[in-house]
N, C-alpha and C. Protein backbone atom coordinates (compact mmCIF):
# COMPACT_ATOMS: atom_id res chain seq x y z
N UNK A 1 8.69 12.48 -11.53
CA UNK A 1 8.42 11.08 -11.70
C UNK A 1 6.85 10.28 -11.63
N UNK A 2 6.66 9.74 -12.90
CA UNK A 2 5.28 9.51 -13.25
C UNK A 2 4.91 8.00 -12.35
N UNK A 3 3.28 8.04 -12.45
CA UNK A 3 3.20 6.69 -11.65
C UNK A 3 4.06 5.23 -11.58
N UNK A 4 4.34 4.73 -13.27
CA UNK A 4 5.06 3.88 -13.15
C UNK A 4 6.98 4.03 -12.39
N UNK A 5 7.38 5.09 -12.75
CA UNK A 5 8.52 5.49 -12.31
C UNK A 5 8.33 4.95 -11.11
N UNK A 6 7.41 5.42 -10.02
CA UNK A 6 7.15 5.35 -8.79
C UNK A 6 7.11 3.81 -8.35
N UNK A 7 6.20 3.09 -9.20
CA UNK A 7 6.42 1.92 -8.70
C UNK A 7 7.87 1.12 -8.58
N UNK A 8 8.56 1.38 -9.62
CA UNK A 8 9.85 0.72 -9.84
C UNK A 8 10.73 1.50 -8.72
N UNK A 9 10.54 2.59 -8.21
CA UNK A 9 11.23 3.32 -7.23
C UNK A 9 11.04 3.09 -5.71
N UNK A 10 10.09 2.71 -5.48
CA UNK A 10 9.38 2.86 -4.10
C UNK A 10 9.71 1.29 -3.77
N UNK A 11 10.43 1.77 -2.09
CA UNK A 11 10.75 0.52 -1.41
C UNK A 11 10.14 0.60 -0.05
N UNK A 12 9.81 -0.52 0.35
CA UNK A 12 9.61 0.09 2.50
C UNK A 12 10.90 0.22 3.05
N UNK A 13 10.68 1.51 3.56
CA UNK A 13 11.58 2.14 4.54
C UNK A 13 11.09 2.30 5.55
N UNK A 14 12.06 2.20 7.06
CA UNK A 14 11.56 1.92 7.68
C UNK A 14 12.15 2.65 9.12
N UNK A 15 13.00 3.35 8.72
CA UNK A 15 13.90 4.58 9.20
C UNK A 15 13.69 6.23 8.55
N UNK A 16 13.29 6.93 9.67
CA UNK A 16 12.99 8.19 9.29
C UNK A 16 14.24 9.64 9.44
N UNK A 17 14.28 10.66 9.25
CA UNK A 17 14.88 11.67 9.85
C UNK A 17 14.15 12.79 10.64
N UNK A 18 14.50 12.81 11.34
CA UNK A 18 13.78 14.09 12.09
C UNK A 18 13.34 15.42 11.61
N UNK A 19 12.32 15.16 10.50
CA UNK A 19 11.95 16.32 9.50
C UNK A 19 10.49 16.59 9.23
N UNK A 20 10.16 17.34 10.28
CA UNK A 20 8.49 17.58 9.34
C UNK A 20 8.03 17.38 8.23
N UNK A 21 6.79 17.09 7.90
CA UNK A 21 6.37 16.83 6.03
C UNK A 21 5.92 18.45 5.96
N UNK A 22 6.33 18.98 5.06
CA UNK A 22 6.45 20.02 4.29
C UNK A 22 5.30 20.31 4.19
N UNK A 23 4.49 21.67 4.44
CA UNK A 23 2.75 22.19 4.99
C UNK A 23 2.29 21.95 3.48
N UNK A 24 2.80 21.98 2.20
CA UNK A 24 2.53 21.52 0.79
C UNK A 24 2.19 20.83 0.51
N UNK A 25 2.29 19.58 1.26
CA UNK A 25 2.93 18.73 1.22
C UNK A 25 1.87 17.16 1.35
N UNK A 26 1.64 17.97 3.24
CA UNK A 26 0.59 17.31 3.99
C UNK A 26 -0.58 17.96 3.30
N UNK A 27 -0.86 19.19 2.74
CA UNK A 27 -2.37 19.68 2.37
C UNK A 27 -2.34 18.65 0.72
N UNK A 28 -1.50 18.38 0.26
CA UNK A 28 -1.72 17.61 -1.08
C UNK A 28 -1.81 16.09 -0.67
N UNK A 29 -1.62 15.35 0.82
CA UNK A 29 -1.95 14.34 0.94
C UNK A 29 -3.32 13.68 1.36
N UNK A 30 -3.49 15.70 2.21
CA UNK A 30 -4.77 15.89 3.08
C UNK A 30 -6.05 15.59 1.83
N UNK A 31 -5.55 16.07 0.78
CA UNK A 31 -6.53 16.36 0.05
C UNK A 31 -7.12 15.06 -1.11
N UNK A 32 -5.69 14.31 -1.11
CA UNK A 32 -5.80 12.58 -1.90
C UNK A 32 -6.64 12.12 -1.04
N UNK A 33 -6.82 12.30 0.63
CA UNK A 33 -7.50 11.41 1.25
C UNK A 33 -8.42 11.74 1.50
N UNK A 34 -8.72 12.77 1.34
CA UNK A 34 -10.63 13.01 1.24
C UNK A 34 -11.04 12.90 -0.27
N UNK A 35 -10.35 12.91 -1.51
CA UNK A 35 -10.99 12.32 -2.69
C UNK A 35 -11.16 11.17 -2.39
N UNK A 36 -9.74 10.21 -1.48
CA UNK A 36 -10.05 8.41 -1.93
C UNK A 36 -10.94 8.02 -1.01
N UNK A 37 -11.07 8.87 0.13
CA UNK A 37 -12.18 8.32 1.31
C UNK A 37 -13.47 8.70 0.43
N UNK A 38 -14.09 9.35 -0.35
CA UNK A 38 -15.23 9.87 -1.03
C UNK A 38 -15.63 9.12 -1.71
N UNK A 39 -14.14 8.19 -2.21
CA UNK A 39 -14.92 7.28 -3.86
C UNK A 39 -15.00 6.07 -3.27
N UNK A 40 -14.10 5.18 -2.01
CA UNK A 40 -13.98 4.20 -1.59
C UNK A 40 -14.90 4.35 -0.35
N UNK A 41 -15.50 5.07 0.39
CA UNK A 41 -15.78 4.71 1.81
C UNK A 41 -15.48 4.14 2.80
N UNK A 42 -13.50 4.68 2.57
CA UNK A 42 -13.22 4.37 3.57
C UNK A 42 -13.20 5.72 4.76
N UNK A 43 -12.16 5.44 5.90
CA UNK A 43 -11.95 6.40 6.51
C UNK A 43 -10.54 6.72 6.61
N UNK A 44 -9.49 6.80 5.87
CA UNK A 44 -8.18 7.34 6.24
C UNK A 44 -8.00 8.43 6.69
N UNK A 45 -6.91 8.87 7.69
CA UNK A 45 -6.78 9.96 8.31
C UNK A 45 -4.65 10.04 8.17
N UNK A 46 -4.91 10.91 8.19
CA UNK A 46 -3.32 11.41 8.14
C UNK A 46 -3.00 11.82 9.47
N UNK A 47 -1.54 11.53 10.21
CA UNK A 47 -1.26 12.09 11.44
C UNK A 47 -0.38 12.09 11.36
N UNK A 48 0.28 13.62 12.04
CA UNK A 48 1.78 13.77 11.60
C UNK A 48 1.80 14.11 13.30
N UNK A 49 3.54 14.47 13.48
CA UNK A 49 3.30 14.60 14.75
C UNK A 49 3.50 13.81 15.98
N UNK A 50 3.80 12.73 15.53
CA UNK A 50 3.02 11.64 16.76
C UNK A 50 4.22 10.74 16.60
N UNK A 51 5.35 10.88 17.57
CA UNK A 51 6.30 9.61 17.98
C UNK A 51 5.89 8.20 18.95
N UNK A 52 4.64 8.95 19.84
CA UNK A 52 4.80 7.99 20.78
C UNK A 52 4.01 6.74 20.48
N UNK A 53 3.54 6.44 18.94
CA UNK A 53 2.59 5.63 18.80
C UNK A 53 3.96 4.63 18.14
N UNK A 54 5.21 4.82 17.91
CA UNK A 54 5.73 4.18 18.04
C UNK A 54 6.97 3.86 18.77
N UNK A 55 7.07 4.31 19.93
CA UNK A 55 7.57 4.38 21.27
C UNK A 55 7.31 2.74 21.67
N UNK A 56 7.49 1.73 21.21
CA UNK A 56 7.11 0.81 22.38
C UNK A 56 8.09 -0.51 21.54
N UNK A 57 7.89 -2.00 22.45
CA UNK A 57 9.06 -3.22 22.33
C UNK A 57 8.73 -3.10 20.35
N UNK A 58 7.03 -3.38 19.99
CA UNK A 58 7.11 -3.98 18.69
C UNK A 58 7.62 -3.43 17.48
N UNK A 59 8.09 -1.54 18.05
CA UNK A 59 8.33 -0.91 16.99
C UNK A 59 9.48 -1.24 17.20
N UNK A 60 10.50 -1.53 17.98
CA UNK A 60 11.72 -1.68 17.97
C UNK A 60 11.99 -3.23 17.60
N UNK A 61 11.35 -3.88 17.95
CA UNK A 61 11.74 -5.10 17.35
C UNK A 61 11.46 -5.03 15.69
N UNK A 62 10.73 -4.28 15.29
CA UNK A 62 10.60 -4.16 13.73
C UNK A 62 11.51 -3.05 13.03
N UNK A 63 12.14 -2.90 13.76
CA UNK A 63 13.32 -1.64 13.15
C UNK A 63 13.11 -0.63 12.96
N UNK A 64 11.87 -0.04 13.20
CA UNK A 64 11.56 1.42 13.13
C UNK A 64 11.81 2.40 14.29
N UNK A 65 12.51 3.20 13.12
CA UNK A 65 13.00 4.46 13.71
C UNK A 65 12.72 5.94 13.17
N UNK A 66 12.55 6.62 14.24
CA UNK A 66 12.27 8.43 13.67
C UNK A 66 10.69 8.70 13.57
N UNK A 67 9.72 7.61 13.50
CA UNK A 67 8.51 7.70 12.47
C UNK A 67 7.96 8.54 13.62
N UNK A 68 7.18 9.52 12.86
CA UNK A 68 6.45 10.28 13.64
C UNK A 68 4.73 10.91 12.59
N UNK A 69 4.72 10.73 11.55
CA UNK A 69 3.98 10.74 10.54
C UNK A 69 2.97 9.24 9.77
N UNK A 70 1.87 9.28 10.00
CA UNK A 70 1.43 8.23 9.69
C UNK A 70 0.19 8.01 8.91
N UNK A 71 -0.22 7.05 7.93
CA UNK A 71 -1.41 7.10 7.30
C UNK A 71 -2.40 5.87 8.18
N UNK A 72 -3.59 6.76 9.12
CA UNK A 72 -4.50 5.17 9.57
C UNK A 72 -5.62 4.74 8.58
N UNK A 73 -5.88 3.53 8.08
CA UNK A 73 -6.15 3.26 7.36
C UNK A 73 -7.52 1.86 8.18
N UNK A 74 -8.35 3.23 8.17
CA UNK A 74 -9.86 3.07 8.66
C UNK A 74 -11.06 2.27 8.21
N UNK A 75 -11.66 1.60 8.30
CA UNK A 75 -12.64 1.47 7.29
C UNK A 75 -14.01 0.05 7.77
N UNK A 76 -14.29 -0.24 7.19
CA UNK A 76 -15.62 -1.84 7.45
C UNK A 76 -14.69 -3.07 8.04
N UNK A 77 -15.38 -3.91 8.94
CA UNK A 77 -14.16 -4.84 9.00
C UNK A 77 -13.95 -5.52 7.49
N UNK A 78 -14.86 -5.51 6.91
CA UNK A 78 -14.13 -6.10 5.39
C UNK A 78 -13.80 -5.80 4.50
N UNK A 79 -13.23 -4.17 4.65
CA UNK A 79 -12.52 -3.74 3.48
C UNK A 79 -11.07 -3.57 3.50
N UNK A 80 -10.48 -5.00 3.57
CA UNK A 80 -8.95 -4.99 3.83
C UNK A 80 -8.78 -4.66 1.99
N UNK A 81 -9.35 -5.17 1.16
CA UNK A 81 -8.72 -5.01 0.14
C UNK A 81 -8.93 -3.63 -0.50
N UNK A 82 -10.11 -3.12 0.02
CA UNK A 82 -9.80 -1.68 -0.15
C UNK A 82 -9.02 -0.98 0.48
N UNK A 83 -8.51 -0.93 1.49
CA UNK A 83 -7.00 -0.43 2.25
C UNK A 83 -6.43 -0.63 1.21
N UNK A 84 -5.96 -1.63 0.97
CA UNK A 84 -4.97 -1.91 0.28
C UNK A 84 -4.74 -1.42 -1.20
N UNK A 85 -5.72 -0.87 -1.38
CA UNK A 85 -5.77 -0.30 -3.22
C UNK A 85 -5.60 0.91 -2.74
N UNK A 86 -6.29 1.93 -2.18
CA UNK A 86 -6.11 3.28 -1.66
C UNK A 86 -5.40 3.52 -1.38
N UNK A 87 -4.66 2.81 0.10
CA UNK A 87 -3.70 2.86 0.54
C UNK A 87 -2.56 2.94 -0.08
N UNK A 88 -2.53 1.84 -1.29
CA UNK A 88 -1.33 2.00 -2.38
C UNK A 88 -1.47 3.45 -3.44
N UNK A 89 -2.89 3.68 -3.27
CA UNK A 89 -2.69 4.87 -4.26
C UNK A 89 -1.75 6.10 -3.74
N UNK A 90 -1.69 6.12 -2.37
CA UNK A 90 -1.58 7.26 -1.14
C UNK A 90 -0.26 7.06 -1.33
N UNK A 91 0.23 5.67 -1.11
CA UNK A 91 1.60 5.09 -1.05
C UNK A 91 2.91 5.56 -2.62
N UNK A 92 1.67 5.30 -3.26
CA UNK A 92 2.55 5.99 -4.28
C UNK A 92 2.82 7.39 -5.15
N UNK A 93 1.68 8.30 -4.96
CA UNK A 93 1.68 9.67 -4.66
C UNK A 93 2.67 10.29 -4.12
N UNK A 94 3.00 9.42 -2.81
CA UNK A 94 3.83 9.96 -1.49
C UNK A 94 5.28 9.63 -2.19
N UNK A 95 5.53 8.86 -3.10
CA UNK A 95 6.76 8.75 -3.81
C UNK A 95 6.77 9.16 -4.02
N UNK A 96 6.38 10.04 -5.54
CA UNK A 96 6.09 10.54 -6.53
C UNK A 96 6.40 11.94 -6.01
N UNK A 97 6.09 12.51 -4.83
CA UNK A 97 6.47 13.62 -3.52
C UNK A 97 7.73 13.57 -3.28
N UNK A 98 8.60 12.62 -3.13
CA UNK A 98 9.88 12.69 -2.86
C UNK A 98 9.79 12.26 -1.34
N UNK A 99 8.77 11.64 -0.56
CA UNK A 99 8.38 10.77 0.50
C UNK A 99 8.52 9.09 0.27
N UNK A 100 9.07 8.67 1.71
CA UNK A 100 9.53 7.30 1.78
C UNK A 100 7.79 7.15 2.66
N UNK A 101 7.97 5.31 2.43
CA UNK A 101 6.21 4.88 3.08
C UNK A 101 6.42 3.44 3.67
N UNK A 102 6.22 2.43 4.26
CA UNK A 102 6.24 0.72 4.89
C UNK A 102 4.70 1.16 5.50
N UNK A 103 4.33 -0.30 4.59
CA UNK A 103 3.25 -0.90 5.04
C UNK A 103 2.97 -1.08 6.36
N UNK A 104 2.56 -1.35 7.94
CA UNK A 104 2.58 -1.77 9.13
C UNK A 104 1.58 -2.31 9.66
N UNK A 105 1.77 -3.46 9.86
CA UNK A 105 0.41 -4.05 10.53
C UNK A 105 0.21 -4.07 12.03
N UNK A 106 1.63 -4.62 12.78
CA UNK A 106 1.77 -4.71 14.44
C UNK A 106 2.56 -3.55 15.08
N UNK A 107 3.51 -3.12 14.38
CA UNK A 107 4.68 -2.57 14.89
C UNK A 107 4.28 -1.63 16.09
N UNK A 108 3.28 -1.13 16.54
CA UNK A 108 3.26 0.40 16.88
C UNK A 108 1.97 -0.18 17.78
N UNK A 109 2.10 1.19 18.78
CA UNK A 109 0.87 0.84 19.72
C UNK A 109 -0.44 1.99 19.54
N UNK A 110 -1.36 1.49 19.54
CA UNK A 110 -2.65 2.20 19.76
C UNK A 110 -2.85 2.96 20.76
N UNK A 111 -3.10 4.53 20.75
CA UNK A 111 -3.19 5.40 21.67
C UNK A 111 -4.44 6.26 20.84
N UNK A 112 -5.15 6.52 22.28
CA UNK A 112 -6.31 7.01 22.00
C UNK A 112 -6.23 8.50 21.38
N UNK A 113 -6.96 8.85 20.89
CA UNK A 113 -6.72 10.62 20.25
C UNK A 113 -6.49 11.25 19.22
N UNK A 114 -5.39 9.56 18.57
CA UNK A 114 -4.54 10.05 17.14
C UNK A 114 -5.96 10.18 15.99
N UNK A 115 -6.83 8.98 15.97
CA UNK A 115 -7.46 9.03 14.70
C UNK A 115 -9.21 8.67 15.24
N UNK A 116 -10.35 9.04 14.34
CA UNK A 116 -11.39 8.71 14.96
C UNK A 116 -11.71 7.24 14.22
N UNK A 117 -12.47 6.27 15.34
CA UNK A 117 -12.72 5.20 14.63
C UNK A 117 -14.33 5.20 14.78
N UNK A 118 -14.83 5.18 14.01
CA UNK A 118 -16.54 5.66 14.08
C UNK A 118 -17.00 4.11 14.25
N UNK A 119 -18.35 4.10 14.89
CA UNK A 119 -18.96 2.72 14.98
C UNK A 119 -19.37 1.88 13.35
N UNK A 120 -18.51 0.73 13.74
CA UNK A 120 -18.61 0.19 12.82
C UNK A 120 -17.63 0.12 12.11
N UNK A 121 -16.27 0.28 12.29
CA UNK A 121 -15.39 0.42 11.31
C UNK A 121 -14.21 -0.52 12.93
N UNK A 122 -13.06 -0.29 11.62
CA UNK A 122 -11.53 -0.78 12.67
C UNK A 122 -10.52 0.01 12.14
N UNK A 123 -9.27 -0.19 12.60
CA UNK A 123 -8.50 0.12 12.25
C UNK A 123 -7.14 -1.11 11.55
N UNK A 124 -7.41 -1.63 10.08
CA UNK A 124 -6.78 -2.25 9.59
C UNK A 124 -5.58 -2.71 9.64
N UNK A 125 -4.27 -1.20 9.67
CA UNK A 125 -3.07 -1.61 9.92
C UNK A 125 -2.64 0.33 9.24
N UNK A 126 -1.38 0.40 9.17
CA UNK A 126 -1.09 2.10 8.86
C UNK A 126 0.14 1.99 7.95
N UNK A 127 0.38 3.34 7.60
CA UNK A 127 1.83 2.92 6.47
C UNK A 127 2.27 4.49 6.96
N UNK A 128 3.59 4.50 6.91
CA UNK A 128 4.62 5.03 8.30
C UNK A 128 4.93 6.40 6.72
N UNK A 129 5.07 7.96 6.66
CA UNK A 129 5.28 8.35 5.82
C UNK A 129 6.56 9.03 6.08
N UNK A 130 6.95 9.60 5.55
CA UNK A 130 8.34 10.77 6.08
C UNK A 130 9.49 10.70 5.01
N UNK A 131 10.32 11.51 5.69
CA UNK A 131 11.60 11.43 5.20
C UNK A 131 12.65 10.47 5.15
N UNK A 132 12.74 9.20 4.11
CA UNK A 132 13.84 8.08 4.67
C UNK A 132 15.03 8.81 5.23
N UNK A 133 15.65 8.10 6.13
CA UNK A 133 17.38 7.51 5.75
C UNK A 133 17.76 7.01 4.90
N UNK A 134 17.04 6.16 4.13
CA UNK A 134 17.78 5.52 2.74
C UNK A 134 16.49 5.39 1.75
N UNK A 135 16.41 4.81 0.65
CA UNK A 135 15.40 4.75 -0.15
C UNK A 135 14.93 2.99 0.41
N UNK A 136 15.71 2.51 0.83
CA UNK A 136 14.71 1.01 0.73
C UNK A 136 15.70 -0.15 -0.08
N UNK A 137 15.08 -1.30 -0.13
CA UNK A 137 16.25 -2.37 -1.35
C UNK A 137 14.65 -3.38 -2.20
N UNK A 138 14.77 -3.28 -3.26
CA UNK A 138 13.72 -3.94 -3.82
C UNK A 138 13.62 -5.90 -2.96
N UNK A 139 12.60 -6.24 -2.66
CA UNK A 139 12.58 -7.39 -2.11
C UNK A 139 12.71 -8.45 -3.27
N UNK A 140 12.95 -9.62 -2.92
CA UNK A 140 12.89 -10.90 -3.98
C UNK A 140 11.41 -11.02 -4.27
N UNK A 141 11.49 -11.53 -5.90
CA UNK A 141 10.45 -11.41 -6.22
C UNK A 141 9.70 -12.99 -6.90
N UNK A 142 8.37 -13.58 -6.99
CA UNK A 142 8.08 -14.97 -7.88
C UNK A 142 8.45 -14.45 -8.87
N UNK A 143 8.12 -15.65 -9.80
CA UNK A 143 8.04 -15.19 -10.98
C UNK A 143 6.70 -14.82 -11.76
N UNK A 144 7.07 -14.37 -13.22
CA UNK A 144 4.57 -14.25 -13.85
C UNK A 144 4.33 -15.49 -13.71
N UNK A 145 4.92 -16.49 -14.20
CA UNK A 145 4.28 -17.66 -14.57
C UNK A 145 3.95 -18.50 -12.95
N UNK A 146 4.42 -17.91 -12.26
CA UNK A 146 4.26 -18.50 -10.40
C UNK A 146 3.01 -17.85 -10.15
N UNK A 147 2.31 -16.69 -10.34
CA UNK A 147 1.04 -15.77 -10.09
C UNK A 147 0.35 -15.63 -10.90
N UNK A 148 0.52 -16.28 -12.33
CA UNK A 148 -0.66 -15.73 -13.45
C UNK A 148 -1.14 -17.43 -14.23
N UNK A 149 -1.90 -17.03 -14.47
CA UNK A 149 -2.17 -18.60 -15.67
C UNK A 149 -2.80 -17.99 -16.86
N UNK A 150 -2.83 -18.29 -17.82
CA UNK A 150 -3.25 -17.33 -18.92
C UNK A 150 -3.09 -19.12 -20.15
N UNK A 151 -4.07 -18.70 -20.93
CA UNK A 151 -4.11 -20.47 -22.08
C UNK A 151 -4.17 -19.67 -23.31
N UNK A 152 -2.85 -19.92 -24.14
CA UNK A 152 -2.15 -19.78 -24.85
C UNK A 152 -1.16 -18.84 -24.80
N UNK A 153 -0.63 -17.70 -25.75
CA UNK A 153 -0.01 -16.92 -25.83
C UNK A 153 -0.08 -15.82 -24.89
N UNK A 154 0.43 -15.20 -23.83
CA UNK A 154 0.16 -14.15 -23.14
C UNK A 154 0.33 -12.83 -23.53
N UNK A 155 -0.69 -12.30 -23.59
CA UNK A 155 -1.02 -10.65 -23.92
C UNK A 155 0.51 -9.80 -23.03
N UNK A 156 0.89 -8.81 -24.03
CA UNK A 156 1.60 -8.40 -23.73
C UNK A 156 1.55 -7.56 -22.40
N UNK A 157 0.16 -6.92 -22.06
CA UNK A 157 -0.19 -5.75 -21.30
C UNK A 157 -0.43 -6.58 -19.88
N UNK A 158 -1.30 -8.12 -20.50
CA UNK A 158 -1.35 -8.83 -19.18
C UNK A 158 0.00 -9.06 -18.39
N UNK A 159 1.11 -9.55 -19.11
CA UNK A 159 2.39 -9.25 -18.40
C UNK A 159 2.53 -8.33 -18.03
N UNK A 160 2.87 -7.32 -18.64
CA UNK A 160 3.04 -6.13 -17.53
C UNK A 160 2.17 -5.27 -16.47
N UNK A 161 0.83 -6.09 -16.49
CA UNK A 161 0.10 -5.81 -15.24
C UNK A 161 0.52 -7.10 -13.99
N UNK A 162 0.83 -8.13 -14.34
CA UNK A 162 1.65 -9.20 -13.47
C UNK A 162 2.97 -8.80 -13.01
N UNK A 163 3.63 -8.45 -13.63
CA UNK A 163 5.57 -7.77 -13.45
C UNK A 163 4.85 -6.42 -12.30
N UNK A 164 3.95 -5.52 -12.69
CA UNK A 164 3.66 -4.38 -11.84
C UNK A 164 3.04 -4.93 -10.39
N UNK A 165 2.39 -6.46 -9.87
CA UNK A 165 1.66 -6.40 -9.46
C UNK A 165 3.15 -7.22 -8.43
N UNK A 166 3.87 -7.60 -8.83
CA UNK A 166 5.16 -8.58 -8.45
C UNK A 166 6.01 -7.04 -7.81
N UNK A 167 5.95 -6.11 -8.02
CA UNK A 167 6.80 -4.75 -7.64
C UNK A 167 5.95 -4.42 -6.29
N UNK A 168 4.82 -4.87 -6.07
CA UNK A 168 4.14 -4.18 -5.52
C UNK A 168 4.65 -5.25 -3.28
N UNK A 169 4.60 -4.26 -2.47
CA UNK A 169 4.80 -4.52 -1.48
C UNK A 169 3.71 -5.53 -0.69
N UNK A 170 4.04 -6.77 0.16
CA UNK A 170 3.31 -7.60 0.32
C UNK A 170 3.61 -8.37 1.82
N UNK A 171 2.96 -8.41 2.67
CA UNK A 171 3.49 -8.87 3.92
C UNK A 171 4.31 -10.02 4.25
N UNK A 172 5.05 -9.67 4.95
CA UNK A 172 6.39 -10.77 4.78
C UNK A 172 6.96 -11.23 3.67
N UNK A 173 6.49 -10.69 2.22
CA UNK A 173 7.13 -11.15 1.04
C UNK A 173 6.13 -12.43 0.34
N UNK A 174 5.04 -12.80 0.93
CA UNK A 174 4.44 -13.60 0.93
C UNK A 174 3.96 -13.95 -0.52
N UNK A 175 3.38 -12.70 -1.39
CA UNK A 175 2.85 -12.71 -2.54
C UNK A 175 2.04 -13.97 -2.57
N UNK A 176 1.05 -14.25 -2.19
CA UNK A 176 -0.14 -14.69 -2.31
C UNK A 176 -1.47 -14.95 -3.83
N UNK A 177 -0.73 -13.60 -3.75
CA UNK A 177 -2.16 -13.28 -5.22
C UNK A 177 -1.51 -14.09 -6.41
N UNK A 178 -2.72 -14.27 -7.37
CA UNK A 178 -2.84 -14.67 -8.77
C UNK A 178 -3.69 -14.20 -9.36
N UNK A 179 -3.02 -14.00 -10.93
CA UNK A 179 -4.29 -13.58 -11.49
C UNK A 179 -3.91 -14.48 -12.68
N UNK A 180 -5.54 -14.59 -13.35
CA UNK A 180 -6.09 -15.53 -14.32
C UNK A 180 -6.85 -14.63 -15.39
N UNK A 181 -6.17 -15.03 -16.82
CA UNK A 181 -6.70 -14.36 -17.75
C UNK A 181 -7.75 -14.90 -18.24
N UNK A 182 -8.97 -14.14 -18.50
CA UNK A 182 -10.45 -15.42 -18.93
C UNK A 182 -11.00 -14.38 -20.09
N UNK A 183 -11.02 -14.92 -21.40
CA UNK A 183 -11.18 -13.91 -22.26
C UNK A 183 -10.35 -12.60 -22.00
N UNK A 184 -10.97 -11.47 -21.98
CA UNK A 184 -10.37 -10.39 -22.48
C UNK A 184 -10.59 -9.90 -21.18
N UNK A 185 -10.73 -10.39 -19.77
CA UNK A 185 -10.76 -10.08 -17.98
C UNK A 185 -10.07 -10.70 -17.36
N UNK A 186 -10.09 -10.70 -16.29
CA UNK A 186 -9.39 -11.07 -15.57
C UNK A 186 -9.58 -11.59 -14.14
N UNK A 187 -9.27 -12.41 -13.65
CA UNK A 187 -9.99 -13.02 -12.33
C UNK A 187 -8.76 -12.92 -11.46
N UNK A 188 -8.66 -12.13 -10.23
CA UNK A 188 -8.04 -11.64 -9.16
C UNK A 188 -8.26 -12.55 -7.60
N UNK A 189 -7.47 -13.71 -7.96
CA UNK A 189 -7.46 -14.21 -6.67
C UNK A 189 -6.60 -14.10 -5.12
N UNK A 190 -6.91 -14.48 -4.09
CA UNK A 190 -5.40 -14.63 -3.11
C UNK A 190 -5.83 -16.25 -2.04
N UNK A 191 -4.87 -16.47 -1.80
CA UNK A 191 -4.56 -17.36 -0.62
C UNK A 191 -4.41 -17.24 0.69
N UNK A 192 -4.77 -18.13 2.03
CA UNK A 192 -4.65 -17.68 2.84
C UNK A 192 -3.19 -17.41 3.36
N UNK A 193 -3.27 -15.83 4.34
CA UNK A 193 -1.80 -15.45 4.96
C UNK A 193 -2.27 -14.29 5.44
N UNK A 194 -1.51 -13.82 6.44
CA UNK A 194 -1.28 -12.12 7.09
C UNK A 194 -1.54 -11.25 6.43
N UNK A 195 -2.60 -10.54 6.50
CA UNK A 195 -2.70 -9.58 5.28
C UNK A 195 -3.38 -10.00 3.94
N UNK A 196 -3.41 -11.00 3.52
CA UNK A 196 -3.63 -11.21 2.14
C UNK A 196 -4.74 -10.67 1.32
N UNK A 197 -5.40 -10.03 1.69
CA UNK A 197 -6.36 -9.82 1.16
C UNK A 197 -5.98 -8.13 1.14
N UNK A 198 -5.73 -7.46 1.96
CA UNK A 198 -4.65 -5.96 1.57
C UNK A 198 -3.57 -6.13 0.50
N UNK A 199 -2.62 -7.33 0.50
CA UNK A 199 -2.11 -7.58 -0.44
C UNK A 199 -2.79 -7.59 -1.55
N UNK A 200 -3.61 -8.12 -1.68
CA UNK A 200 -4.69 -8.59 -3.25
C UNK A 200 -5.00 -7.15 -3.55
N UNK A 201 -5.41 -5.90 -2.78
CA UNK A 201 -5.76 -4.79 -3.33
C UNK A 201 -4.60 -3.80 -3.64
N UNK A 202 -3.16 -4.31 -3.30
CA UNK A 202 -2.41 -3.46 -3.29
C UNK A 202 -1.74 -3.53 -4.85
N UNK A 203 -2.18 -5.46 -5.00
CA UNK A 203 -1.85 -5.89 -6.53
C UNK A 203 -2.40 -5.72 -7.07
N UNK A 204 -3.62 -5.76 -7.16
CA UNK A 204 -4.83 -5.07 -7.97
C UNK A 204 -4.38 -3.57 -8.78
N UNK A 205 -4.29 -2.96 -8.35
CA UNK A 205 -3.55 -1.28 -8.39
C UNK A 205 -2.29 -1.11 -9.01
N UNK A 206 -1.76 -2.29 -8.47
CA UNK A 206 -0.44 -2.61 -9.60
C UNK A 206 -0.34 -2.91 -11.15
N UNK A 207 -1.80 -3.63 -11.24
CA UNK A 207 -1.65 -4.30 -12.16
C UNK A 207 -2.75 -3.72 -13.10
N UNK A 208 -3.16 -2.86 -12.93
CA UNK A 208 -3.98 -1.56 -13.35
C UNK A 208 -3.26 -0.96 -14.19
N UNK A 209 -1.99 -0.35 -13.16
CA UNK A 209 -1.21 0.56 -13.57
C UNK A 209 -0.12 -0.10 -14.60
N UNK A 210 0.11 -0.78 -14.22
CA UNK A 210 1.07 -1.42 -15.27
C UNK A 210 0.37 -2.38 -16.74
N UNK A 211 -0.08 -2.46 -16.48
CA UNK A 211 -1.07 -3.16 -18.22
C UNK A 211 -1.78 -1.86 -18.54
N UNK A 212 -2.27 -0.93 -18.07
CA UNK A 212 -3.20 0.42 -18.77
C UNK A 212 -4.31 -0.16 -18.93
N UNK A 213 -5.12 -0.84 -17.96
CA UNK A 213 -6.82 -1.65 -18.30
C UNK A 213 -7.42 -0.79 -16.93
N UNK A 214 -8.14 -0.37 -17.23
CA UNK A 214 -8.92 0.26 -16.26
C UNK A 214 -9.89 -0.99 -14.78
N UNK A 215 -10.25 -0.29 -14.01
CA UNK A 215 -10.61 -1.28 -12.72
C UNK A 215 -11.59 -2.03 -13.75
N UNK A 216 -12.45 -1.87 -14.76
CA UNK A 216 -13.17 -2.86 -15.17
C UNK A 216 -12.98 -4.18 -15.48
N UNK A 217 -11.56 -4.17 -15.82
CA UNK A 217 -11.13 -5.26 -16.25
C UNK A 217 -11.33 -6.99 -15.50
N UNK A 218 -11.61 -5.95 -14.05
CA UNK A 218 -11.71 -7.64 -13.13
C UNK A 218 -13.00 -8.41 -12.99
N UNK A 219 -13.35 -9.77 -13.05
CA UNK A 219 -14.20 -10.65 -13.08
C UNK A 219 -15.12 -10.63 -11.62
């Protein structure tokens, strides 16, 4: 599976089987997390073998089960977009590894000693990771025209980028992001909503991958 295939194959999964992550996959995830932390300034951390974090009312209410492994997305208070961008990098890599994931904002409890939050940082949200009982299903999506703006004929690369962004996970499927083509560059914005800036970071990564354009494309 390549990264574009992972974009299409990956869906949110909330139920996992009782199977520890393979040691080679843990090592690969740790290496990726170290690489992305160095690149972004985030403090993302992989936690394994912790069922207690999801032993709470909100996890059951959110229909989560069997979650024992997750990635804690930690960074500066204004790092929500970075968490989305680099967290989704890990999500897609996990999909390629044969693992399933889900972005989680509230359906867990914060317990001491599970991860380290340095002064000046906060836990933004977490990503469950493991072997899913299913592969999930694709959520409904807005149209390309609803979330983009382009004068004249839309370039194919721009359309591919927007289409990939529309396959990105989004809090309560709100898809508040918007892409505007300005000359040969793109302006990405978001409206207000829960985790909207996290969603923007995720969508920007998908746009880059779908369009084949580098991160320098952004205005």
